[in-house]
């Protein structure tokens, strides 16, 4: 790997490898795939904070699906670094990690990040690439298009397999979620709106998801725990409908049962707020999706640590808050009325 070119074009990868190398805590690190960009091979890393235990609940944190949205990866790297700095002395973190599986996929699309493009090196938008067709009309182009990879939001050819990066993410998520009794996934993005959103499927239709009762219970838990939190927790379809949403596909493949529950979430950081405060950012492709001013970037790197810690605690204690069988129908109805 040409470290000079990587340092210039993909410093996040070197930062991740540096965190892994410096860690005194025994991480389980695997190279799940290699993505070719010209003569360079870029790894997709998966990190287990502790060896996977199929009897424990699981939280999977991912980022970098869109190469332009570097802040998502940077937020996860900041969180990993913080955990590793606390582990030697913080008994709370030590106990927390003994009661759950915490998994990181910080750079899902290293080729797109290296090239500074939303899509992967094949020009495919990974969030429009799953084999799912929207049930209603989607935004022109933005909802996904199959005309050409020279335009954004390209879904890929209809009959092709999913891109390598998506196959890798699906394989990794299923490896853990199919064995774990309870799984939350959180995929970090940026670029839509003035607010930070917590989205959940579906994106391909405006009808409710089967685990709506559990999502509503999680939202209420977040609001009770942090009554002044700034997240808009809602279905993605309330904002827009898309073709080929990756997390719709991951969720639909998972057979939710009493013994294996999956709750998929997307953190969409509102980059328009950064542009509003510094309009000149809109003149650069990087500025459209990332905080440029150093103090704002530091603020964003701190801003979501509370959310990650909350999701860790919620995963560990899931039996204490997910709706019981006798209340499921009532909570589902309340959630349906609230969101739909």
C-alpha atoms as a PDB file:
ATOM      1  CA  UNK A   1       0.000   0.000   0.000  1.00  0.00           C
ATOM      2  CA  UNK A   2       1.400   3.387  -1.058  1.00  0.00           C
ATOM      3  CA  UNK A   3       1.268   5.244   2.261  1.00  0.00           C
ATOM      4  CA  UNK A   4       2.121   8.615   0.727  1.00  0.00           C
ATOM      5  CA  UNK A   5      -0.895   8.480  -1.555  1.00  0.00           C
ATOM      6  CA  UNK A   6      -3.077   7.049   1.208  1.00  0.00           C
ATOM      7  CA  UNK A   7      -2.013   9.800   3.610  1.00  0.00           C
ATOM      8  CA  UNK A   8      -3.021  12.417   1.063  1.00  0.00           C
ATOM      9  CA  UNK A   9      -6.264  10.866  -0.190  1.00  0.00           C
ATOM     10  CA  UNK A  10      -7.456   8.586   2.605  1.00  0.00           C
ATOM     11  CA  UNK A  11      -5.924   9.677   5.928  1.00  0.00           C
ATOM     12  CA  UNK A  12      -8.829   8.086   7.786  1.00  0.00           C
ATOM     13  CA  UNK A  13      -7.525   4.640   6.823  1.00  0.00           C
ATOM     14  CA  UNK A  14      -4.092   5.384   8.240  1.00  0.00           C
ATOM     15  CA  UNK A  15      -5.695   6.824  11.361  1.00  0.00           C
ATOM     16  CA  UNK A  16      -7.732   3.643  11.793  1.00  0.00           C
ATOM     17  CA  UNK A  17      -4.685   1.434  11.341  1.00  0.00           C
ATOM     18  CA  UNK A  18      -2.765   3.613  13.797  1.00  0.00           C
ATOM     19  CA  UNK A  19      -5.508   3.216  16.407  1.00  0.00           C
ATOM     20  CA  UNK A  20      -5.428  -0.558  15.900  1.00  0.00           C
ATOM     21  CA  UNK A  21      -1.632  -0.690  16.104  1.00  0.00           C
ATOM     22  CA  UNK A  22      -1.409   1.451  19.253  1.00  0.00           C
ATOM     23  CA  UNK A  23      -4.204  -0.331  21.101  1.00  0.00           C
ATOM     24  CA  UNK A  24      -3.124  -2.101  24.268  1.00  0.00           C
ATOM     25  CA  UNK A  25      -6.550  -3.739  24.381  1.00  0.00           C
ATOM     26  CA  UNK A  26      -6.732  -6.983  22.348  1.00  0.00           C
ATOM     27  CA  UNK A  27      -9.025  -6.098  19.464  1.00  0.00           C
ATOM     28  CA  UNK A  28     -10.231  -8.695  16.964  1.00  0.00           C
ATOM     29  CA  UNK A  29      -9.499  -7.141  13.558  1.00  0.00           C
ATOM     30  CA  UNK A  30     -10.314  -8.744  10.210  1.00  0.00           C
ATOM     31  CA  UNK A  31      -9.838  -7.579   6.642  1.00  0.00           C
ATOM     32  CA  UNK A  32     -13.211  -8.501   5.213  1.00  0.00           C
ATOM     33  CA  UNK A  33     -12.427  -7.525   1.607  1.00  0.00           C
ATOM     34  CA  UNK A  34      -9.959  -5.639  -0.570  1.00  0.00           C
ATOM     35  CA  UNK A  35     -11.175  -2.920  -2.935  1.00  0.00           C
ATOM     36  CA  UNK A  36      -9.053  -2.164  -5.984  1.00  0.00           C
ATOM     37  CA  UNK A  37      -8.472   1.446  -6.997  1.00  0.00           C
ATOM     38  CA  UNK A  38      -6.004   1.407  -9.857  1.00  0.00           C
ATOM     39  CA  UNK A  39      -2.860  -0.266  -8.534  1.00  0.00           C
ATOM     40  CA  UNK A  40      -3.868   0.137  -4.869  1.00  0.00           C
ATOM     41  CA  UNK A  41      -5.778  -2.364  -2.728  1.00  0.00           C
ATOM     42  CA  UNK A  42      -7.769  -0.811   0.093  1.00  0.00           C
ATOM     43  CA  UNK A  43      -9.054  -3.002   2.956  1.00  0.00           C
ATOM     44  CA  UNK A  44     -12.500  -3.017   4.504  1.00  0.00           C
ATOM     45  CA  UNK A  45     -11.822  -3.576   8.204  1.00  0.00           C
ATOM     46  CA  UNK A  46     -14.154  -5.095  10.776  1.00  0.00           C
ATOM     47  CA  UNK A  47     -13.264  -4.569  14.440  1.00  0.00           C
ATOM     48  CA  UNK A  48     -14.626  -6.474  17.426  1.00  0.00           C
ATOM     49  CA  UNK A  49     -13.938  -4.661  20.679  1.00  0.00           C
ATOM     50  CA  UNK A  50     -14.138  -8.038  22.442  1.00  0.00           C
ATOM     51  CA  UNK A  51     -14.357 -11.563  20.989  1.00  0.00           C
ATOM     52  CA  UNK A  52     -17.872 -12.200  19.703  1.00  0.00           C
ATOM     53  CA  UNK A  53     -20.221 -14.016  22.088  1.00  0.00           C
ATOM     54  CA  UNK A  54     -23.401 -15.258  20.420  1.00  0.00           C
ATOM     55  CA  UNK A  55     -25.291 -15.164  23.724  1.00  0.00           C
ATOM     56  CA  UNK A  56     -24.877 -11.399  24.102  1.00  0.00           C
ATOM     57  CA  UNK A  57     -26.674  -8.478  22.426  1.00  0.00           C
ATOM     58  CA  UNK A  58     -24.818  -6.722  19.640  1.00  0.00           C
ATOM     59  CA  UNK A  59     -24.313  -3.142  18.447  1.00  0.00           C
ATOM     60  CA  UNK A  60     -22.832  -2.667  14.962  1.00  0.00           C
ATOM     61  CA  UNK A  61     -21.579   0.826  14.069  1.00  0.00           C
ATOM     62  CA  UNK A  62     -20.681   1.523  10.435  1.00  0.00           C
ATOM     63  CA  UNK A  63     -19.734   4.529   8.308  1.00  0.00           C
ATOM     64  CA  UNK A  64     -18.121   5.555   5.050  1.00  0.00           C
ATOM     65  CA  UNK A  65     -20.751   4.000   2.767  1.00  0.00           C
ATOM     66  CA  UNK A  66     -20.638   7.261   0.808  1.00  0.00           C
ATOM     67  CA  UNK A  67     -17.060   8.299   0.154  1.00  0.00           C
ATOM     68  CA  UNK A  68     -17.797  12.018   0.354  1.00  0.00           C
ATOM     69  CA  UNK A  69     -19.286  11.760   3.838  1.00  0.00           C
ATOM     70  CA  UNK A  70     -16.001  11.468   5.694  1.00  0.00           C
ATOM     71  CA  UNK A  71     -17.341  12.898   8.946  1.00  0.00           C
ATOM     72  CA  UNK A  72     -19.225   9.663   9.683  1.00  0.00           C
ATOM     73  CA  UNK A  73     -15.975   7.689   9.643  1.00  0.00           C
ATOM     74  CA  UNK A  74     -14.216  10.374  11.664  1.00  0.00           C
ATOM     75  CA  UNK A  75     -16.934  10.268  14.336  1.00  0.00           C
ATOM     76  CA  UNK A  76     -16.545   6.495  14.674  1.00  0.00           C
ATOM     77  CA  UNK A  77     -12.754   6.735  14.830  1.00  0.00           C
ATOM     78  CA  UNK A  78     -13.109   9.304  17.592  1.00  0.00           C
ATOM     79  CA  UNK A  79     -15.408   6.954  19.499  1.00  0.00           C
ATOM     80  CA  UNK A  80     -13.091   3.941  19.101  1.00  0.00           C
ATOM     81  CA  UNK A  81     -10.135   6.014  20.264  1.00  0.00           C
ATOM     82  CA  UNK A  82     -12.075   7.274  23.267  1.00  0.00           C
ATOM     83  CA  UNK A  83     -13.129   3.748  24.279  1.00  0.00           C
ATOM     84  CA  UNK A  84      -9.566   2.450  24.021  1.00  0.00           C
ATOM     85  CA  UNK A  85      -8.254   5.318  26.130  1.00  0.00           C
ATOM     86  CA  UNK A  86     -10.839   4.567  28.850  1.00  0.00           C
ATOM     87  CA  UNK A  87     -10.636   0.794  28.871  1.00  0.00           C
ATOM     88  CA  UNK A  88      -7.442   0.493  31.001  1.00  0.00           C
ATOM     89  CA  UNK A  89      -8.970   2.371  33.926  1.00  0.00           C
ATOM     90  CA  UNK A  90     -12.752   2.750  33.478  1.00  0.00           C
ATOM     91  CA  UNK A  91     -14.523  -0.170  35.167  1.00  0.00           C
ATOM     92  CA  UNK A  92     -17.865   0.989  33.716  1.00  0.00           C
ATOM     93  CA  UNK A  93     -16.587   0.587  30.149  1.00  0.00           C
ATOM     94  CA  UNK A  94     -14.938  -2.722  31.059  1.00  0.00           C
ATOM     95  CA  UNK A  95     -18.216  -4.077  32.430  1.00  0.00           C
ATOM     96  CA  UNK A  96     -20.188  -2.683  29.500  1.00  0.00           C
ATOM     97  CA  UNK A  97     -18.024  -4.468  26.949  1.00  0.00           C
ATOM     98  CA  UNK A  98     -18.231  -7.717  28.929  1.00  0.00           C
ATOM     99  CA  UNK A  99     -22.024  -7.677  28.509  1.00  0.00           C
ATOM    100  CA  UNK A 100     -22.312  -6.936  24.780  1.00  0.00           C
ATOM    101  CA  UNK A 101     -20.706  -7.287  21.376  1.00  0.00           C
ATOM    102  CA  UNK A 102     -19.534  -3.972  19.943  1.00  0.00           C
ATOM    103  CA  UNK A 103     -18.600  -4.151  16.258  1.00  0.00           C
ATOM    104  CA  UNK A 104     -17.186  -1.424  14.001  1.00  0.00           C
ATOM    105  CA  UNK A 105     -17.072  -1.113  10.201  1.00  0.00           C
ATOM    106  CA  UNK A 106     -15.622   2.398  10.005  1.00  0.00           C
ATOM    107  CA  UNK A 107     -14.862   2.577   6.254  1.00  0.00           C
ATOM    108  CA  UNK A 108     -17.290   0.535   4.169  1.00  0.00           C
ATOM    109  CA  UNK A 109     -16.408   2.300   0.890  1.00  0.00           C
ATOM    110  CA  UNK A 110     -12.643   2.950   1.043  1.00  0.00           C
ATOM    111  CA  UNK A 111     -12.393   3.302  -2.749  1.00  0.00           C
ATOM    112  CA  UNK A 112     -15.021   6.049  -2.865  1.00  0.00           C
ATOM    113  CA  UNK A 113     -13.388   7.825   0.049  1.00  0.00           C
ATOM    114  CA  UNK A 114      -9.977   7.578  -1.634  1.00  0.00           C
ATOM    115  CA  UNK A 115     -11.425   9.036  -4.858  1.00  0.00           C
ATOM    116  CA  UNK A 116     -13.512  11.589  -2.920  1.00  0.00           C
ATOM    117  CA  UNK A 117     -16.714  10.429  -4.602  1.00  0.00           C
ATOM    118  CA  UNK A 118     -20.119   9.528  -3.219  1.00  0.00           C
ATOM    119  CA  UNK A 119     -20.121   6.285  -5.221  1.00  0.00           C
ATOM    120  CA  UNK A 120     -17.665   3.393  -5.138  1.00  0.00           C
ATOM    121  CA  UNK A 121     -14.887   3.090  -7.767  1.00  0.00           C
ATOM    122  CA  UNK A 122     -17.397   1.532 -10.192  1.00  0.00           C
ATOM    123  CA  UNK A 123     -19.561   4.647  -9.984  1.00  0.00           C
ATOM    124  CA  UNK A 124     -22.331   2.861  -8.064  1.00  0.00           C
ATOM    125  CA  UNK A 125     -24.127   4.528  -5.158  1.00  0.00           C
ATOM    126  CA  UNK A 126     -24.047   1.797  -2.519  1.00  0.00           C
ATOM    127  CA  UNK A 127     -27.226   3.069  -0.861  1.00  0.00           C
ATOM    128  CA  UNK A 128     -29.145   2.596  -4.133  1.00  0.00           C
ATOM    129  CA  UNK A 129     -27.611  -0.755  -5.083  1.00  0.00           C
ATOM    130  CA  UNK A 130     -29.670  -3.378  -3.230  1.00  0.00           C
ATOM    131  CA  UNK A 131     -32.173  -5.494  -5.214  1.00  0.00           C
ATOM    132  CA  UNK A 132     -35.277  -3.659  -3.979  1.00  0.00           C
ATOM    133  CA  UNK A 133     -37.689  -1.647  -6.131  1.00  0.00           C
ATOM    134  CA  UNK A 134     -39.521   1.347  -4.669  1.00  0.00           C
ATOM    135  CA  UNK A 135     -43.281   0.952  -4.339  1.00  0.00           C
ATOM    136  CA  UNK A 136     -44.004   4.636  -4.952  1.00  0.00           C
ATOM    137  CA  UNK A 137     -42.555   7.430  -7.052  1.00  0.00           C
ATOM    138  CA  UNK A 138     -39.021   8.456  -6.066  1.00  0.00           C
ATOM    139  CA  UNK A 139     -37.326  11.860  -6.455  1.00  0.00           C
ATOM    140  CA  UNK A 140     -35.954  12.306  -9.973  1.00  0.00           C
ATOM    141  CA  UNK A 141     -32.363  10.974 -10.040  1.00  0.00           C
ATOM    142  CA  UNK A 142     -31.951  11.309  -6.248  1.00  0.00           C
ATOM    143  CA  UNK A 143     -34.161   8.308  -5.604  1.00  0.00           C
ATOM    144  CA  UNK A 144     -31.864   6.192  -7.751  1.00  0.00           C
ATOM    145  CA  UNK A 145     -31.231   5.974 -11.494  1.00  0.00           C
ATOM    146  CA  UNK A 146     -29.947   3.346 -13.939  1.00  0.00           C
ATOM    147  CA  UNK A 147     -29.066   5.681 -16.828  1.00  0.00           C
ATOM    148  CA  UNK A 148     -25.340   6.043 -16.290  1.00  0.00           C
ATOM    149  CA  UNK A 149     -22.604   5.921 -13.670  1.00  0.00           C
ATOM    150  CA  UNK A 150     -21.571   9.419 -14.815  1.00  0.00           C
ATOM    151  CA  UNK A 151     -24.559  10.818 -12.913  1.00  0.00           C
ATOM    152  CA  UNK A 152     -24.929  10.559  -9.118  1.00  0.00           C
ATOM    153  CA  UNK A 153     -27.234   8.048  -7.406  1.00  0.00           C
ATOM    154  CA  UNK A 154     -26.492   5.319  -9.959  1.00  0.00           C
ATOM    155  CA  UNK A 155     -28.037   2.009  -8.866  1.00  0.00           C
ATOM    156  CA  UNK A 156     -25.939  -0.217 -11.110  1.00  0.00           C
ATOM    157  CA  UNK A 157     -27.223  -2.521 -13.821  1.00  0.00           C
ATOM    158  CA  UNK A 158     -30.487  -4.210 -12.916  1.00  0.00           C
ATOM    159  CA  UNK A 159     -29.297  -7.811 -13.281  1.00  0.00           C
ATOM    160  CA  UNK A 160     -25.821  -7.399 -11.774  1.00  0.00           C
ATOM    161  CA  UNK A 161     -24.893  -8.649  -8.328  1.00  0.00           C
ATOM    162  CA  UNK A 162     -24.570  -6.114  -5.542  1.00  0.00           C
ATOM    163  CA  UNK A 163     -21.241  -4.333  -5.358  1.00  0.00           C
ATOM    164  CA  UNK A 164     -18.413  -5.931  -3.373  1.00  0.00           C
ATOM    165  CA  UNK A 165     -18.684  -3.353  -0.589  1.00  0.00           C
ATOM    166  CA  UNK A 166     -22.384  -4.087  -0.097  1.00  0.00           C
ATOM    167  CA  UNK A 167     -21.868  -7.834  -0.194  1.00  0.00           C
ATOM    168  CA  UNK A 168     -19.209  -7.393   2.474  1.00  0.00           C
ATOM    169  CA  UNK A 169     -21.400  -5.287   4.738  1.00  0.00           C
ATOM    170  CA  UNK A 170     -24.351  -7.669   4.403  1.00  0.00           C
ATOM    171  CA  UNK A 171     -22.137 -10.674   5.136  1.00  0.00           C
ATOM    172  CA  UNK A 172     -20.624  -9.074   8.222  1.00  0.00           C
ATOM    173  CA  UNK A 173     -23.932  -7.838   9.632  1.00  0.00           C
ATOM    174  CA  UNK A 174     -25.562 -11.223   9.115  1.00  0.00           C
ATOM    175  CA  UNK A 175     -22.626 -13.055  10.646  1.00  0.00           C
ATOM    176  CA  UNK A 176     -23.314 -11.289  13.930  1.00  0.00           C
ATOM    177  CA  UNK A 177     -27.039 -10.552  13.852  1.00  0.00           C
ATOM    178  CA  UNK A 178     -28.101 -14.084  12.911  1.00  0.00           C
ATOM    179  CA  UNK A 179     -26.353 -15.452  16.004  1.00  0.00           C
ATOM    180  CA  UNK A 180     -27.146 -12.682  18.464  1.00  0.00           C
ATOM    181  CA  UNK A 181     -30.435 -12.484  20.404  1.00  0.00           C
ATOM    182  CA  UNK A 182     -30.686  -8.727  19.822  1.00  0.00           C
ATOM    183  CA  UNK A 183     -28.893  -6.415  17.384  1.00  0.00           C
ATOM    184  CA  UNK A 184     -28.934  -2.678  16.749  1.00  0.00           C
ATOM    185  CA  UNK A 185     -27.133  -1.355  13.685  1.00  0.00           C
ATOM    186  CA  UNK A 186     -26.283   2.309  13.213  1.00  0.00           C
ATOM    187  CA  UNK A 187     -24.900   3.538   9.896  1.00  0.00           C
ATOM    188  CA  UNK A 188     -23.409   7.059   9.973  1.00  0.00           C
ATOM    189  CA  UNK A 189     -24.065   9.479   7.082  1.00  0.00           C
ATOM    190  CA  UNK A 190     -24.219  13.230   6.474  1.00  0.00           C
ATOM    191  CA  UNK A 191     -25.812  15.554   3.986  1.00  0.00           C
ATOM    192  CA  UNK A 192     -29.579  15.928   4.435  1.00  0.00           C
ATOM    193  CA  UNK A 193     -31.316  18.828   6.151  1.00  0.00           C
ATOM    194  CA  UNK A 194     -30.592  21.147   9.040  1.00  0.00           C
ATOM    195  CA  UNK A 195     -31.299  18.522  11.694  1.00  0.00           C
ATOM    196  CA  UNK A 196     -29.640  15.296  12.767  1.00  0.00           C
ATOM    197  CA  UNK A 197     -31.964  12.431  11.890  1.00  0.00           C
ATOM    198  CA  UNK A 198     -32.222   8.912  13.239  1.00  0.00           C
ATOM    199  CA  UNK A 199     -33.844   7.100  10.344  1.00  0.00           C
ATOM    200  CA  UNK A 200     -35.146   3.568  10.162  1.00  0.00           C
ATOM    201  CA  UNK A 201     -36.529   1.501   7.262  1.00  0.00           C
ATOM    202  CA  UNK A 202     -38.346   1.497   5.088  1.00  0.00           C
ATOM    203  CA  UNK A 203     -36.966   3.779   2.413  1.00  0.00           C
ATOM    204  CA  UNK A 204     -38.610   1.923  -0.479  1.00  0.00           C
ATOM    205  CA  UNK A 205     -42.186   2.274   0.777  1.00  0.00           C
ATOM    206  CA  UNK A 206     -44.273   4.364   3.147  1.00  0.00           C
ATOM    207  CA  UNK A 207     -45.775   1.446   5.033  1.00  0.00           C
ATOM    208  CA  UNK A 208     -44.654   0.521   8.570  1.00  0.00           C
ATOM    209  CA  UNK A 209     -41.905  -1.925   9.424  1.00  0.00           C
ATOM    210  CA  UNK A 210     -42.693  -5.040  11.506  1.00  0.00           C
ATOM    211  CA  UNK A 211     -40.507  -3.934  14.442  1.00  0.00           C
ATOM    212  CA  UNK A 212     -42.227  -0.552  14.643  1.00  0.00           C
ATOM    213  CA  UNK A 213     -43.252  -1.191  18.242  1.00  0.00           C
ATOM    214  CA  UNK A 214     -39.624  -1.758  19.257  1.00  0.00           C
ATOM    215  CA  UNK A 215     -38.453   1.338  17.388  1.00  0.00           C
ATOM    216  CA  UNK A 216     -41.109   3.436  19.109  1.00  0.00           C
ATOM    217  CA  UNK A 217     -40.102   2.005  22.485  1.00  0.00           C
ATOM    218  CA  UNK A 218     -36.466   2.889  21.715  1.00  0.00           C
ATOM    219  CA  UNK A 219     -37.445   6.438  20.717  1.00  0.00           C
ATOM    220  CA  UNK A 220     -39.412   6.886  23.958  1.00  0.00           C
ATOM    221  CA  UNK A 221     -36.478   5.513  25.924  1.00  0.00           C
ATOM    222  CA  UNK A 222     -34.112   7.989  24.253  1.00  0.00           C
ATOM    223  CA  UNK A 223     -36.499  10.885  24.903  1.00  0.00           C
ATOM    224  CA  UNK A 224     -36.951   9.943  28.548  1.00  0.00           C
ATOM    225  CA  UNK A 225     -33.238   9.449  29.094  1.00  0.00           C
ATOM    226  CA  UNK A 226     -32.181  12.586  27.210  1.00  0.00           C
ATOM    227  CA  UNK A 227     -35.279  14.816  27.034  1.00  0.00           C
ATOM    228  CA  UNK A 228     -33.317  17.579  25.289  1.00  0.00           C
ATOM    229  CA  UNK A 229     -31.729  15.381  22.627  1.00  0.00           C
ATOM    230  CA  UNK A 230     -31.647  16.922  19.146  1.00  0.00           C
ATOM    231  CA  UNK A 231     -32.434  13.878  16.981  1.00  0.00           C
ATOM    232  CA  UNK A 232     -35.451  13.553  14.698  1.00  0.00           C
ATOM    233  CA  UNK A 233     -36.266   9.862  15.099  1.00  0.00           C
ATOM    234  CA  UNK A 234     -38.514   8.743  12.232  1.00  0.00           C
ATOM    235  CA  UNK A 235     -38.921   6.505   9.152  1.00  0.00           C
ATOM    236  CA  UNK A 236     -36.699   7.501   6.248  1.00  0.00           C
ATOM    237  CA  UNK A 237     -39.709   7.443   3.918  1.00  0.00           C
ATOM    238  CA  UNK A 238     -41.076  10.564   5.637  1.00  0.00           C
ATOM    239  CA  UNK A 239     -38.160  12.445   4.049  1.00  0.00           C
ATOM    240  CA  UNK A 240     -37.949  10.666   0.694  1.00  0.00           C
ATOM    241  CA  UNK A 241     -38.397   7.274  -0.971  1.00  0.00           C
ATOM    242  CA  UNK A 242     -35.514   5.560  -2.781  1.00  0.00           C
ATOM    243  CA  UNK A 243     -34.682   2.552  -4.884  1.00  0.00           C
ATOM    244  CA  UNK A 244     -32.362  -0.170  -3.643  1.00  0.00           C
ATOM    245  CA  UNK A 245     -31.866   0.968  -0.049  1.00  0.00           C
ATOM    246  CA  UNK A 246     -29.158  -1.181   1.527  1.00  0.00           C
ATOM    247  CA  UNK A 247     -30.600  -1.252   5.045  1.00  0.00           C
ATOM    248  CA  UNK A 248     -34.071  -2.109   3.756  1.00  0.00           C
ATOM    249  CA  UNK A 249     -32.427  -5.125   2.157  1.00  0.00           C
ATOM    250  CA  UNK A 250     -30.426  -6.098   5.251  1.00  0.00           C
ATOM    251  CA  UNK A 251     -33.513  -5.859   7.435  1.00  0.00           C
ATOM    252  CA  UNK A 252     -35.773  -7.780   5.048  1.00  0.00           C
ATOM    253  CA  UNK A 253     -33.258 -10.642   4.924  1.00  0.00           C
ATOM    254  CA  UNK A 254     -33.203 -10.904   8.702  1.00  0.00           C
ATOM    255  CA  UNK A 255     -35.887 -13.218  10.078  1.00  0.00           C
ATOM    256  CA  UNK A 256     -36.967 -11.315  13.160  1.00  0.00           C
ATOM    257  CA  UNK A 257     -38.133 -13.704  15.850  1.00  0.00           C
ATOM    258  CA  UNK A 258     -38.350 -13.675  19.618  1.00  0.00           C
ATOM    259  CA  UNK A 259     -34.875 -15.234  19.645  1.00  0.00           C
ATOM    260  CA  UNK A 260     -33.232 -12.835  17.167  1.00  0.00           C
ATOM    261  CA  UNK A 261     -34.329  -9.209  16.837  1.00  0.00           C
ATOM    262  CA  UNK A 262     -32.707  -6.608  14.579  1.00  0.00           C
ATOM    263  CA  UNK A 263     -33.255  -2.843  14.753  1.00  0.00           C
ATOM    264  CA  UNK A 264     -31.539  -0.972  11.866  1.00  0.00           C
ATOM    265  CA  UNK A 265     -30.880   2.759  12.262  1.00  0.00           C
ATOM    266  CA  UNK A 266     -29.175   5.415  10.162  1.00  0.00           C
ATOM    267  CA  UNK A 267     -27.642   8.542  11.654  1.00  0.00           C
ATOM    268  CA  UNK A 268     -28.002  11.288   9.052  1.00  0.00           C
ATOM    269  CA  UNK A 269     -26.025  14.299  10.253  1.00  0.00           C
ATOM    270  CA  UNK A 270     -27.555  17.529   8.976  1.00  0.00           C
ATOM    271  CA  UNK A 271     -24.780  19.090   6.924  1.00  0.00           C
ATOM    272  CA  UNK A 272     -26.985  21.937   5.736  1.00  0.00           C
ATOM    273  CA  UNK A 273     -26.544  23.427   9.195  1.00  0.00           C
ATOM    274  CA  UNK A 274     -22.782  23.660   8.655  1.00  0.00           C
ATOM    275  CA  UNK A 275     -23.366  25.332   5.275  1.00  0.00           C
ATOM    276  CA  UNK A 276     -25.881  27.737   6.821  1.00  0.00           C
ATOM    277  CA  UNK A 277     -23.234  28.911   9.288  1.00  0.00           C
ATOM    278  CA  UNK A 278     -20.542  29.138   6.596  1.00  0.00           C
ATOM    279  CA  UNK A 279     -22.156  29.427   3.132  1.00  0.00           C
ATOM    280  CA  UNK A 280     -18.794  29.437   1.339  1.00  0.00           C
ATOM    281  CA  UNK A 281     -18.596  25.691   2.134  1.00  0.00           C
ATOM    282  CA  UNK A 282     -21.204  25.097  -0.558  1.00  0.00           C
ATOM    283  CA  UNK A 283     -18.570  25.912  -3.178  1.00  0.00           C
ATOM    284  CA  UNK A 284     -16.606  22.727  -2.422  1.00  0.00           C
ATOM    285  CA  UNK A 285     -17.778  19.137  -2.673  1.00  0.00           C
ATOM    286  CA  UNK A 286     -16.179  18.365   0.687  1.00  0.00           C
ATOM    287  CA  UNK A 287     -17.931  21.303   2.325  1.00  0.00           C
ATOM    288  CA  UNK A 288     -21.362  20.056   1.240  1.00  0.00           C
ATOM    289  CA  UNK A 289     -21.069  17.008   3.480  1.00  0.00           C
ATOM    290  CA  UNK A 290     -18.521  17.790   6.199  1.00  0.00           C
ATOM    291  CA  UNK A 291     -17.812  20.495   8.778  1.00  0.00           C
ATOM    292  CA  UNK A 292     -14.772  22.424   7.564  1.00  0.00           C
ATOM    293  CA  UNK A 293     -14.152  24.931  10.372  1.00  0.00           C
ATOM    294  CA  UNK A 294     -11.988  23.163  13.012  1.00  0.00           C
ATOM    295  CA  UNK A 295     -14.095  24.079  16.037  1.00  0.00           C
ATOM    296  CA  UNK A 296     -17.272  22.835  14.324  1.00  0.00           C
ATOM    297  CA  UNK A 297     -15.587  19.584  13.404  1.00  0.00           C
ATOM    298  CA  UNK A 298     -14.492  19.083  17.025  1.00  0.00           C
ATOM    299  CA  UNK A 299     -18.060  19.784  18.126  1.00  0.00           C
ATOM    300  CA  UNK A 300     -19.440  17.156  15.744  1.00  0.00           C
ATOM    301  CA  UNK A 301     -16.863  14.603  16.915  1.00  0.00           C
ATOM    302  CA  UNK A 302     -18.192  15.119  20.467  1.00  0.00           C
ATOM    303  CA  UNK A 303     -21.834  15.550  19.571  1.00  0.00           C
ATOM    304  CA  UNK A 304     -22.791  11.917  19.017  1.00  0.00           C
ATOM    305  CA  UNK A 305     -20.809  10.193  21.766  1.00  0.00           C
ATOM    306  CA  UNK A 306     -23.897  10.347  23.981  1.00  0.00           C
ATOM    307  CA  UNK A 307     -25.899   8.536  21.304  1.00  0.00           C
ATOM    308  CA  UNK A 308     -23.342   5.754  20.956  1.00  0.00           C
ATOM    309  CA  UNK A 309     -23.182   5.269  24.727  1.00  0.00           C
ATOM    310  CA  UNK A 310     -26.982   5.245  24.891  1.00  0.00           C
ATOM    311  CA  UNK A 311     -27.208   2.565  22.197  1.00  0.00           C
ATOM    312  CA  UNK A 312     -24.644   0.459  24.053  1.00  0.00           C
ATOM    313  CA  UNK A 313     -26.722   0.648  27.239  1.00  0.00           C
ATOM    314  CA  UNK A 314     -29.976   0.047  25.359  1.00  0.00           C
ATOM    315  CA  UNK A 315     -28.494  -3.016  23.677  1.00  0.00           C
ATOM    316  CA  UNK A 316     -27.308  -4.506  26.967  1.00  0.00           C
ATOM    317  CA  UNK A 317     -30.652  -3.866  28.694  1.00  0.00           C
ATOM    318  CA  UNK A 318     -32.939  -4.623  25.728  1.00  0.00           C
ATOM    319  CA  UNK A 319     -35.091  -7.041  27.750  1.00  0.00           C
ATOM    320  CA  UNK A 320     -36.028  -4.175  30.078  1.00  0.00           C
ATOM    321  CA  UNK A 321     -37.546  -1.925  27.417  1.00  0.00           C
ATOM    322  CA  UNK A 322     -38.670  -3.845  24.328  1.00  0.00           C
ATOM    323  CA  UNK A 323     -42.470  -4.269  24.421  1.00  0.00           C
ATOM    324  CA  UNK A 324     -43.812  -7.385  26.073  1.00  0.00           C
ATOM    325  CA  UNK A 325     -46.147  -9.611  24.089  1.00  0.00           C
ATOM    326  CA  UNK A 326     -49.267  -8.296  25.825  1.00  0.00           C
ATOM    327  CA  UNK A 327     -48.365  -4.669  24.959  1.00  0.00           C
ATOM    328  CA  UNK A 328     -47.003  -5.116  21.434  1.00  0.00           C
ATOM    329  CA  UNK A 329     -50.246  -4.402  19.564  1.00  0.00           C
ATOM    330  CA  UNK A 330     -51.019  -1.290  21.603  1.00  0.00           C
ATOM    331  CA  UNK A 331     -47.518   0.165  21.198  1.00  0.00           C
ATOM    332  CA  UNK A 332     -47.457  -0.700  17.497  1.00  0.00           C
ATOM    333  CA  UNK A 333     -50.756   1.142  17.029  1.00  0.00           C
ATOM    334  CA  UNK A 334     -49.439   4.178  18.923  1.00  0.00           C
ATOM    335  CA  UNK A 335     -46.277   4.190  16.784  1.00  0.00           C
ATOM    336  CA  UNK A 336     -48.294   3.852  13.595  1.00  0.00           C
ATOM    337  CA  UNK A 337     -50.442   6.806  14.556  1.00  0.00           C
ATOM    338  CA  UNK A 338     -47.416   8.888  15.599  1.00  0.00           C
ATOM    339  CA  UNK A 339     -45.362   8.358  12.432  1.00  0.00           C
ATOM    340  CA  UNK A 340     -47.793   7.427   9.697  1.00  0.00           C
END
